Amino acid sequence: MKKLIFVLLLLIGTAPVVRAIDGHHQHLSPEEFNEKIKAFITEKADLTTAEAAKFFPVYFELQKRKKELNGKMWDLLRKGKDKELTEAEYDDIMTKVYDLKIKEKEVEKEYYVKFKKILSAKKVFMVQRAEARFNRELIRNVNQNEKAKREKERERERKKQ
């Protein structure tokens, strides 16, 4: 009995370490995320140090504005979960969502003009491609991590049986 208790305590004590090694607690702070995307875009868009120094403050300003607009959209969409809304209220929500999407595109165009004062149009294009690639790789990594988690869970289940 003492051996069983010892083994259980040992397993419980090492579980956080195993999970950390396993990559489960590798969340990035917003600052770390920004540094990763900055490094990725700088490399893939072939930005010089001077270009990156001028470009990224404006780039992150755009990201902040887009995040605010997306937050407003999600707030509206959450209101749509209320089953008691009328057709007119749903129409109002959707009209506002589409207005915010249009506003987001207007903001992006406004920042394109700002970006062209810092970078050539070709480099702005390369930045956009790099950003899209970063997002695809991020999603791919998340999907791979989720797949690995599911595989480990299945393996644990098989071992239990």
N, C-alpha and C. Protein backbone atom coordinates (compact mmCIF):
# COMPACT_ATOMS: atom_id res chain seq x y z
N MET A 1 0.82 -1.19 0.00
CA MET A 1 0.00 0.00 0.00
C MET A 1 0.87 1.26 0.00
N LYS A 2 1.95 1.23 0.81
CA LYS A 2 2.84 2.38 0.88
C LYS A 2 3.49 2.63 -0.48
N LYS A 3 3.83 1.54 -1.19
CA LYS A 3 4.45 1.68 -2.51
C LYS A 3 3.47 2.33 -3.49
N LEU A 4 2.23 1.94 -3.43
CA LEU A 4 1.22 2.51 -4.32
C LEU A 4 1.04 4.00 -4.05
N ILE A 5 0.99 4.39 -2.79
CA ILE A 5 0.85 5.80 -2.43
C ILE A 5 2.08 6.57 -2.92
N PHE A 6 3.27 5.98 -2.72
CA PHE A 6 4.51 6.63 -3.17
C PHE A 6 4.50 6.84 -4.69
N VAL A 7 4.10 5.83 -5.43
CA VAL A 7 4.06 5.93 -6.89
C VAL A 7 3.06 7.00 -7.32
N LEU A 8 1.90 7.02 -6.70
CA LEU A 8 0.89 8.03 -7.03
C LEU A 8 1.40 9.44 -6.74
N LEU A 9 2.04 9.64 -5.60
CA LEU A 9 2.59 10.95 -5.27
C LEU A 9 3.70 11.34 -6.24
N LEU A 10 4.50 10.39 -6.63
CA LEU A 10 5.57 10.64 -7.60
C LEU A 10 4.98 11.07 -8.94
N LEU A 11 3.95 10.37 -9.40
CA LEU A 11 3.30 10.72 -10.67
C LEU A 11 2.64 12.09 -10.60
N ILE A 12 1.97 12.37 -9.51
CA ILE A 12 1.31 13.67 -9.36
C ILE A 12 2.35 14.79 -9.30
N GLY A 13 3.45 14.55 -8.63
CA GLY A 13 4.50 15.55 -8.51
C GLY A 13 5.22 15.84 -9.81
N THR A 14 5.35 14.85 -10.68
CA THR A 14 6.08 15.05 -11.94
C THR A 14 5.17 15.47 -13.08
N ALA A 15 3.88 15.40 -12.91
CA ALA A 15 2.96 15.74 -14.01
C ALA A 15 3.16 17.15 -14.54
N PRO A 16 3.29 18.19 -13.68
CA PRO A 16 3.50 19.53 -14.23
C PRO A 16 4.78 19.65 -15.05
N VAL A 17 5.84 18.96 -14.60
CA VAL A 17 7.11 19.00 -15.33
C VAL A 17 6.96 18.33 -16.69
N VAL A 18 6.30 17.19 -16.71
CA VAL A 18 6.09 16.46 -17.97
C VAL A 18 5.25 17.30 -18.92
N ARG A 19 4.21 17.93 -18.40
CA ARG A 19 3.36 18.77 -19.26
C ARG A 19 4.15 19.96 -19.82
N ALA A 20 5.00 20.57 -19.01
CA ALA A 20 5.80 21.70 -19.48
C ALA A 20 6.79 21.26 -20.55
N ILE A 21 7.43 20.13 -20.34
CA ILE A 21 8.36 19.60 -21.35
C ILE A 21 7.60 19.26 -22.61
N ASP A 22 6.39 18.77 -22.43
CA ASP A 22 5.55 18.35 -23.54
C ASP A 22 5.06 19.51 -24.37
N GLY A 23 5.23 20.75 -23.90
CA GLY A 23 4.84 21.92 -24.67
C GLY A 23 3.46 22.46 -24.36
N HIS A 24 2.83 21.96 -23.32
CA HIS A 24 1.47 22.40 -23.01
C HIS A 24 1.42 23.79 -22.41
N HIS A 25 2.51 24.25 -21.78
CA HIS A 25 2.50 25.55 -21.12
C HIS A 25 3.39 26.55 -21.84
N GLN A 26 3.43 26.47 -23.13
CA GLN A 26 4.29 27.35 -23.90
C GLN A 26 3.47 28.46 -24.56
N HIS A 27 2.70 29.16 -23.77
CA HIS A 27 1.91 30.27 -24.28
C HIS A 27 2.80 31.50 -24.39
N LEU A 28 2.58 32.27 -25.43
CA LEU A 28 3.37 33.47 -25.64
C LEU A 28 2.63 34.68 -25.10
N SER A 29 3.38 35.57 -24.49
CA SER A 29 2.79 36.85 -24.09
C SER A 29 2.60 37.67 -25.37
N PRO A 30 1.79 38.71 -25.33
CA PRO A 30 1.64 39.56 -26.53
C PRO A 30 2.98 40.13 -27.00
N GLU A 31 3.86 40.46 -26.06
CA GLU A 31 5.17 41.00 -26.44
C GLU A 31 6.00 39.94 -27.15
N GLU A 32 5.97 38.70 -26.64
CA GLU A 32 6.72 37.61 -27.27
C GLU A 32 6.16 37.32 -28.66
N PHE A 33 4.83 37.32 -28.77
CA PHE A 33 4.21 37.09 -30.07
C PHE A 33 4.63 38.17 -31.06
N ASN A 34 4.61 39.43 -30.62
CA ASN A 34 5.01 40.53 -31.50
C ASN A 34 6.46 40.39 -31.93
N GLU A 35 7.32 39.96 -31.03
CA GLU A 35 8.73 39.77 -31.40
C GLU A 35 8.88 38.65 -32.42
N LYS A 36 8.11 37.59 -32.27
CA LYS A 36 8.19 36.48 -33.22
C LYS A 36 7.71 36.90 -34.61
N ILE A 37 6.58 37.58 -34.67
CA ILE A 37 6.07 38.00 -35.99
C ILE A 37 6.99 39.05 -36.60
N LYS A 38 7.55 39.91 -35.76
CA LYS A 38 8.48 40.93 -36.25
C LYS A 38 9.71 40.27 -36.87
N ALA A 39 10.28 39.29 -36.19
CA ALA A 39 11.45 38.58 -36.71
C ALA A 39 11.10 37.84 -38.00
N PHE A 40 9.95 37.19 -38.01
CA PHE A 40 9.53 36.41 -39.18
C PHE A 40 9.35 37.32 -40.39
N ILE A 41 8.61 38.41 -40.21
CA ILE A 41 8.35 39.33 -41.32
C ILE A 41 9.64 40.00 -41.78
N THR A 42 10.48 40.39 -40.83
CA THR A 42 11.75 41.03 -41.19
C THR A 42 12.57 40.11 -42.09
N GLU A 43 12.62 38.84 -41.72
CA GLU A 43 13.39 37.88 -42.52
C GLU A 43 12.73 37.61 -43.87
N LYS A 44 11.46 37.29 -43.86
CA LYS A 44 10.78 36.87 -45.10
C LYS A 44 10.58 38.03 -46.08
N ALA A 45 10.40 39.25 -45.56
CA ALA A 45 10.21 40.40 -46.45
C ALA A 45 11.54 41.10 -46.73
N ASP A 46 12.61 40.56 -46.17
CA ASP A 46 13.96 41.08 -46.41
C ASP A 46 14.06 42.56 -46.03
N LEU A 47 13.57 42.89 -44.84
CA LEU A 47 13.63 44.27 -44.37
C LEU A 47 15.00 44.55 -43.76
N THR A 48 15.50 45.74 -44.01
CA THR A 48 16.74 46.15 -43.36
C THR A 48 16.41 46.53 -41.92
N THR A 49 17.43 46.68 -41.10
CA THR A 49 17.23 47.09 -39.72
C THR A 49 16.56 48.46 -39.66
N ALA A 50 16.99 49.36 -40.52
CA ALA A 50 16.40 50.70 -40.55
C ALA A 50 14.94 50.66 -40.98
N GLU A 51 14.64 49.86 -42.00
CA GLU A 51 13.25 49.73 -42.46
C GLU A 51 12.38 49.15 -41.35
N ALA A 52 12.87 48.09 -40.71
CA ALA A 52 12.10 47.44 -39.64
C ALA A 52 11.85 48.40 -38.49
N ALA A 53 12.86 49.20 -38.15
CA ALA A 53 12.71 50.14 -37.03
C ALA A 53 11.63 51.18 -37.31
N LYS A 54 11.49 51.61 -38.54
CA LYS A 54 10.46 52.58 -38.90
C LYS A 54 9.09 51.93 -39.13
N PHE A 55 9.13 50.73 -39.70
CA PHE A 55 7.90 50.06 -40.12
C PHE A 55 7.08 49.48 -38.97
N PHE A 56 7.73 48.76 -38.05
CA PHE A 56 6.96 47.99 -37.07
C PHE A 56 6.14 48.81 -36.08
N PRO A 57 6.57 49.99 -35.66
CA PRO A 57 5.66 50.77 -34.82
C PRO A 57 4.34 51.09 -35.53
N VAL A 58 4.41 51.39 -36.81
CA VAL A 58 3.20 51.68 -37.59
C VAL A 58 2.40 50.39 -37.79
N TYR A 59 3.09 49.29 -38.08
CA TYR A 59 2.45 47.99 -38.28
C TYR A 59 1.67 47.58 -37.02
N PHE A 60 2.29 47.70 -35.85
CA PHE A 60 1.62 47.30 -34.61
C PHE A 60 0.49 48.27 -34.25
N GLU A 61 0.60 49.50 -34.67
CA GLU A 61 -0.50 50.46 -34.51
C GLU A 61 -1.71 49.98 -35.32
N LEU A 62 -1.47 49.55 -36.55
CA LEU A 62 -2.54 49.00 -37.38
C LEU A 62 -3.15 47.77 -36.72
N GLN A 63 -2.31 46.88 -36.23
CA GLN A 63 -2.82 45.65 -35.60
C GLN A 63 -3.70 45.98 -34.40
N LYS A 64 -3.32 47.00 -33.65
CA LYS A 64 -4.12 47.42 -32.50
C LYS A 64 -5.48 47.93 -32.94
N ARG A 65 -5.51 48.73 -34.00
CA ARG A 65 -6.80 49.25 -34.50
C ARG A 65 -7.67 48.12 -35.03
N LYS A 66 -7.07 47.18 -35.75
CA LYS A 66 -7.84 46.04 -36.27
C LYS A 66 -8.38 45.19 -35.12
N LYS A 67 -7.59 45.02 -34.08
CA LYS A 67 -8.04 44.24 -32.92
C LYS A 67 -9.25 44.91 -32.27
N GLU A 68 -9.22 46.24 -32.16
CA GLU A 68 -10.35 46.97 -31.58
C GLU A 68 -11.61 46.77 -32.42
N LEU A 69 -11.47 46.88 -33.74
CA LEU A 69 -12.63 46.69 -34.62
C LEU A 69 -13.15 45.25 -34.53
N ASN A 70 -12.25 44.28 -34.50
CA ASN A 70 -12.67 42.88 -34.37
C ASN A 70 -13.37 42.63 -33.04
N GLY A 71 -12.88 43.28 -31.98
CA GLY A 71 -13.54 43.15 -30.68
C GLY A 71 -14.98 43.65 -30.73
N LYS A 72 -15.18 44.76 -31.41
CA LYS A 72 -16.54 45.30 -31.55
C LYS A 72 -17.42 44.33 -32.35
N MET A 73 -16.84 43.75 -33.41
CA MET A 73 -17.61 42.79 -34.21
C MET A 73 -18.02 41.59 -33.36
N TRP A 74 -17.09 41.05 -32.59
CA TRP A 74 -17.40 39.90 -31.76
C TRP A 74 -18.44 40.24 -30.69
N ASP A 75 -18.36 41.44 -30.14
CA ASP A 75 -19.37 41.85 -29.18
C ASP A 75 -20.76 41.82 -29.81
N LEU A 76 -20.86 42.33 -31.03
CA LEU A 76 -22.14 42.31 -31.74
C LEU A 76 -22.60 40.89 -32.01
N LEU A 77 -21.68 40.05 -32.47
CA LEU A 77 -22.05 38.67 -32.79
C LEU A 77 -22.47 37.89 -31.54
N ARG A 78 -21.87 38.21 -30.40
CA ARG A 78 -22.29 37.56 -29.15
C ARG A 78 -23.73 37.94 -28.79
N LYS A 79 -24.12 39.17 -29.11
CA LYS A 79 -25.50 39.59 -28.85
C LYS A 79 -26.47 38.74 -29.65
N GLY A 80 -26.03 38.26 -30.81
CA GLY A 80 -26.88 37.45 -31.66
C GLY A 80 -27.19 36.07 -31.10
N LYS A 81 -26.54 35.70 -30.01
CA LYS A 81 -26.82 34.40 -29.39
C LYS A 81 -28.14 34.40 -28.63
N ASP A 82 -28.63 35.59 -28.34
CA ASP A 82 -29.90 35.73 -27.63
C ASP A 82 -31.03 35.25 -28.53
N LYS A 83 -31.68 34.20 -28.15
CA LYS A 83 -32.75 33.59 -28.95
C LYS A 83 -34.01 34.47 -29.01
N GLU A 84 -34.08 35.47 -28.16
CA GLU A 84 -35.27 36.32 -28.08
C GLU A 84 -35.20 37.53 -29.01
N LEU A 85 -34.13 37.68 -29.77
CA LEU A 85 -33.99 38.85 -30.65
C LEU A 85 -35.01 38.80 -31.78
N THR A 86 -35.41 39.98 -32.20
CA THR A 86 -36.33 40.08 -33.33
C THR A 86 -35.54 40.07 -34.63
N GLU A 87 -36.22 39.92 -35.72
CA GLU A 87 -35.59 39.96 -37.04
C GLU A 87 -34.90 41.32 -37.27
N ALA A 88 -35.56 42.38 -36.83
CA ALA A 88 -34.99 43.73 -36.98
C ALA A 88 -33.70 43.87 -36.17
N GLU A 89 -33.67 43.26 -34.99
CA GLU A 89 -32.45 43.33 -34.16
C GLU A 89 -31.31 42.54 -34.81
N TYR A 90 -31.62 41.38 -35.38
CA TYR A 90 -30.59 40.62 -36.11
C TYR A 90 -30.09 41.43 -37.31
N ASP A 91 -31.02 42.06 -38.01
CA ASP A 91 -30.64 42.89 -39.16
C ASP A 91 -29.71 44.02 -38.72
N ASP A 92 -30.02 44.64 -37.60
CA ASP A 92 -29.20 45.73 -37.07
C ASP A 92 -27.80 45.22 -36.73
N ILE A 93 -27.73 44.07 -36.07
CA ILE A 93 -26.44 43.48 -35.72
C ILE A 93 -25.61 43.23 -36.97
N MET A 94 -26.22 42.59 -37.96
CA MET A 94 -25.47 42.24 -39.17
C MET A 94 -25.04 43.48 -39.96
N THR A 95 -25.90 44.49 -40.00
CA THR A 95 -25.54 45.74 -40.68
C THR A 95 -24.33 46.37 -40.00
N LYS A 96 -24.32 46.39 -38.68
CA LYS A 96 -23.19 46.95 -37.93
C LYS A 96 -21.92 46.11 -38.13
N VAL A 97 -22.06 44.80 -38.18
CA VAL A 97 -20.89 43.92 -38.41
C VAL A 97 -20.28 44.23 -39.77
N TYR A 98 -21.13 44.32 -40.80
CA TYR A 98 -20.60 44.62 -42.14
C TYR A 98 -20.01 46.02 -42.22
N ASP A 99 -20.60 46.97 -41.51
CA ASP A 99 -20.02 48.32 -41.46
C ASP A 99 -18.63 48.29 -40.82
N LEU A 100 -18.48 47.48 -39.77
CA LEU A 100 -17.17 47.36 -39.12
C LEU A 100 -16.15 46.67 -40.03
N LYS A 101 -16.61 45.68 -40.81
CA LYS A 101 -15.70 45.03 -41.77
C LYS A 101 -15.23 46.03 -42.83
N ILE A 102 -16.14 46.86 -43.29
CA ILE A 102 -15.78 47.90 -44.26
C ILE A 102 -14.80 48.88 -43.63
N LYS A 103 -15.06 49.26 -42.39
CA LYS A 103 -14.17 50.17 -41.67
C LYS A 103 -12.78 49.55 -41.55
N GLU A 104 -12.72 48.26 -41.27
CA GLU A 104 -11.42 47.58 -41.15
C GLU A 104 -10.65 47.67 -42.46
N LYS A 105 -11.32 47.47 -43.57
CA LYS A 105 -10.64 47.55 -44.88
C LYS A 105 -10.21 48.99 -45.17
N GLU A 106 -11.01 49.96 -44.76
CA GLU A 106 -10.63 51.37 -44.94
C GLU A 106 -9.38 51.68 -44.11
N VAL A 107 -9.32 51.16 -42.90
CA VAL A 107 -8.15 51.37 -42.04
C VAL A 107 -6.92 50.71 -42.67
N GLU A 108 -7.09 49.51 -43.20
CA GLU A 108 -5.97 48.83 -43.86
C GLU A 108 -5.45 49.65 -45.04
N LYS A 109 -6.35 50.22 -45.81
CA LYS A 109 -5.93 51.04 -46.94
C LYS A 109 -5.23 52.31 -46.47
N GLU A 110 -5.74 52.90 -45.40
CA GLU A 110 -5.11 54.08 -44.81
C GLU A 110 -3.66 53.76 -44.39
N TYR A 111 -3.48 52.59 -43.79
CA TYR A 111 -2.14 52.20 -43.36
C TYR A 111 -1.24 51.79 -44.52
N TYR A 112 -1.83 51.32 -45.60
CA TYR A 112 -1.03 51.03 -46.80
C TYR A 112 -0.33 52.31 -47.27
N VAL A 113 -1.06 53.41 -47.24
CA VAL A 113 -0.48 54.70 -47.62
C VAL A 113 0.67 55.05 -46.67
N LYS A 114 0.47 54.82 -45.39
CA LYS A 114 1.53 55.08 -44.41
C LYS A 114 2.73 54.16 -44.64
N PHE A 115 2.45 52.89 -44.93
CA PHE A 115 3.53 51.93 -45.16
C PHE A 115 4.38 52.34 -46.36
N LYS A 116 3.71 52.84 -47.41
CA LYS A 116 4.45 53.23 -48.63
C LYS A 116 5.40 54.40 -48.39
N LYS A 117 5.18 55.15 -47.32
CA LYS A 117 6.11 56.23 -46.97
C LYS A 117 7.37 55.67 -46.32
N ILE A 118 7.30 54.41 -45.88
CA ILE A 118 8.42 53.77 -45.20
C ILE A 118 9.09 52.73 -46.09
N LEU A 119 8.27 51.95 -46.80
CA LEU A 119 8.75 50.84 -47.62
C LEU A 119 8.28 51.02 -49.06
N SER A 120 8.95 50.32 -49.96
CA SER A 120 8.47 50.29 -51.35
C SER A 120 7.19 49.45 -51.40
N ALA A 121 6.42 49.63 -52.47
CA ALA A 121 5.18 48.85 -52.63
C ALA A 121 5.51 47.36 -52.67
N LYS A 122 6.63 47.00 -53.29
CA LYS A 122 7.03 45.59 -53.35
C LYS A 122 7.28 45.04 -51.95
N LYS A 123 7.95 45.83 -51.10
CA LYS A 123 8.22 45.35 -49.74
C LYS A 123 6.94 45.26 -48.92
N VAL A 124 6.01 46.17 -49.14
CA VAL A 124 4.72 46.10 -48.45
C VAL A 124 4.01 44.80 -48.87
N PHE A 125 4.08 44.50 -50.15
CA PHE A 125 3.50 43.25 -50.66
C PHE A 125 4.17 42.06 -49.98
N MET A 126 5.50 42.10 -49.89
CA MET A 126 6.24 41.00 -49.27
C MET A 126 5.91 40.87 -47.78
N VAL A 127 5.68 41.99 -47.13
CA VAL A 127 5.27 41.97 -45.72
C VAL A 127 3.92 41.26 -45.60
N GLN A 128 2.99 41.60 -46.48
CA GLN A 128 1.66 40.97 -46.41
C GLN A 128 1.75 39.47 -46.66
N ARG A 129 2.56 39.07 -47.61
CA ARG A 129 2.76 37.64 -47.86
C ARG A 129 3.38 36.96 -46.66
N ALA A 130 4.38 37.61 -46.05
CA ALA A 130 5.04 37.04 -44.87
C ALA A 130 4.05 36.91 -43.71
N GLU A 131 3.21 37.93 -43.53
CA GLU A 131 2.21 37.88 -42.46
C GLU A 131 1.24 36.72 -42.68
N ALA A 132 0.80 36.54 -43.90
CA ALA A 132 -0.12 35.45 -44.22
C ALA A 132 0.57 34.10 -43.97
N ARG A 133 1.82 34.01 -44.36
CA ARG A 133 2.57 32.76 -44.16
C ARG A 133 2.75 32.49 -42.66
N PHE A 134 3.06 33.52 -41.90
CA PHE A 134 3.21 33.37 -40.44
C PHE A 134 1.90 32.83 -39.85
N ASN A 135 0.78 33.41 -40.26
CA ASN A 135 -0.52 32.96 -39.74
C ASN A 135 -0.82 31.52 -40.13
N ARG A 136 -0.50 31.14 -41.38
CA ARG A 136 -0.71 29.75 -41.80
C ARG A 136 0.14 28.80 -40.97
N GLU A 137 1.41 29.16 -40.76
CA GLU A 137 2.29 28.31 -39.97
C GLU A 137 1.84 28.23 -38.52
N LEU A 138 1.35 29.33 -38.00
CA LEU A 138 0.83 29.35 -36.63
C LEU A 138 -0.35 28.39 -36.50
N ILE A 139 -1.27 28.47 -37.43
CA ILE A 139 -2.43 27.57 -37.42
C ILE A 139 -1.99 26.13 -37.60
N ARG A 140 -1.05 25.89 -38.50
CA ARG A 140 -0.54 24.54 -38.72
C ARG A 140 0.07 23.99 -37.43
N ASN A 141 0.85 24.81 -36.73
CA ASN A 141 1.47 24.37 -35.48
C ASN A 141 0.43 24.07 -34.41
N VAL A 142 -0.59 24.91 -34.33
CA VAL A 142 -1.67 24.67 -33.36
C VAL A 142 -2.36 23.35 -33.69
N ASN A 143 -2.65 23.14 -34.98
CA ASN A 143 -3.31 21.89 -35.38
C ASN A 143 -2.43 20.68 -35.08
N GLN A 144 -1.11 20.80 -35.32
CA GLN A 144 -0.21 19.69 -35.03
C GLN A 144 -0.15 19.41 -33.53
N ASN A 145 -0.13 20.49 -32.73
CA ASN A 145 -0.12 20.30 -31.28
C ASN A 145 -1.40 19.64 -30.80
N GLU A 146 -2.53 20.04 -31.37
CA GLU A 146 -3.81 19.43 -31.00
C GLU A 146 -3.83 17.95 -31.41
N LYS A 147 -3.30 17.66 -32.58
CA LYS A 147 -3.25 16.27 -33.05
C LYS A 147 -2.36 15.44 -32.11
N ALA A 148 -1.22 16.00 -31.73
CA ALA A 148 -0.31 15.30 -30.82
C ALA A 148 -1.00 15.06 -29.47
N LYS A 149 -1.75 16.04 -28.98
CA LYS A 149 -2.47 15.88 -27.71
C LYS A 149 -3.48 14.74 -27.82
N ARG A 150 -4.23 14.72 -28.94
CA ARG A 150 -5.22 13.65 -29.12
C ARG A 150 -4.55 12.29 -29.17
N GLU A 151 -3.41 12.20 -29.86
CA GLU A 151 -2.69 10.93 -29.95
C GLU A 151 -2.23 10.47 -28.57
N LYS A 152 -1.72 11.40 -27.77
CA LYS A 152 -1.26 11.05 -26.43
C LYS A 152 -2.42 10.60 -25.56
N GLU A 153 -3.56 11.27 -25.71
CA GLU A 153 -4.76 10.88 -24.96
C GLU A 153 -5.19 9.46 -25.36
N ARG A 154 -5.19 9.19 -26.66
CA ARG A 154 -5.55 7.83 -27.12
C ARG A 154 -4.59 6.79 -26.58
N GLU A 155 -3.31 7.14 -26.58
CA GLU A 155 -2.30 6.22 -26.06
C GLU A 155 -2.52 5.95 -24.57
N ARG A 156 -2.84 6.99 -23.82
CA ARG A 156 -3.12 6.82 -22.39
C ARG A 156 -4.34 5.92 -22.19
N GLU A 157 -5.37 6.15 -23.00
CA GLU A 157 -6.58 5.33 -22.92
C GLU A 157 -6.28 3.86 -23.23
N ARG A 158 -5.44 3.64 -24.25
CA ARG A 158 -5.06 2.26 -24.60
C ARG A 158 -4.30 1.59 -23.45
N LYS A 159 -3.44 2.35 -22.80
CA LYS A 159 -2.66 1.80 -21.70
C LYS A 159 -3.53 1.46 -20.51
N LYS A 160 -4.60 2.26 -20.31
CA LYS A 160 -5.51 2.00 -19.20
C LYS A 160 -6.28 0.71 -19.40
N GLN A 161 -6.53 0.37 -20.66
CA GLN A 161 -7.37 -0.80 -20.95
C GLN A 161 -6.60 -2.05 -20.86
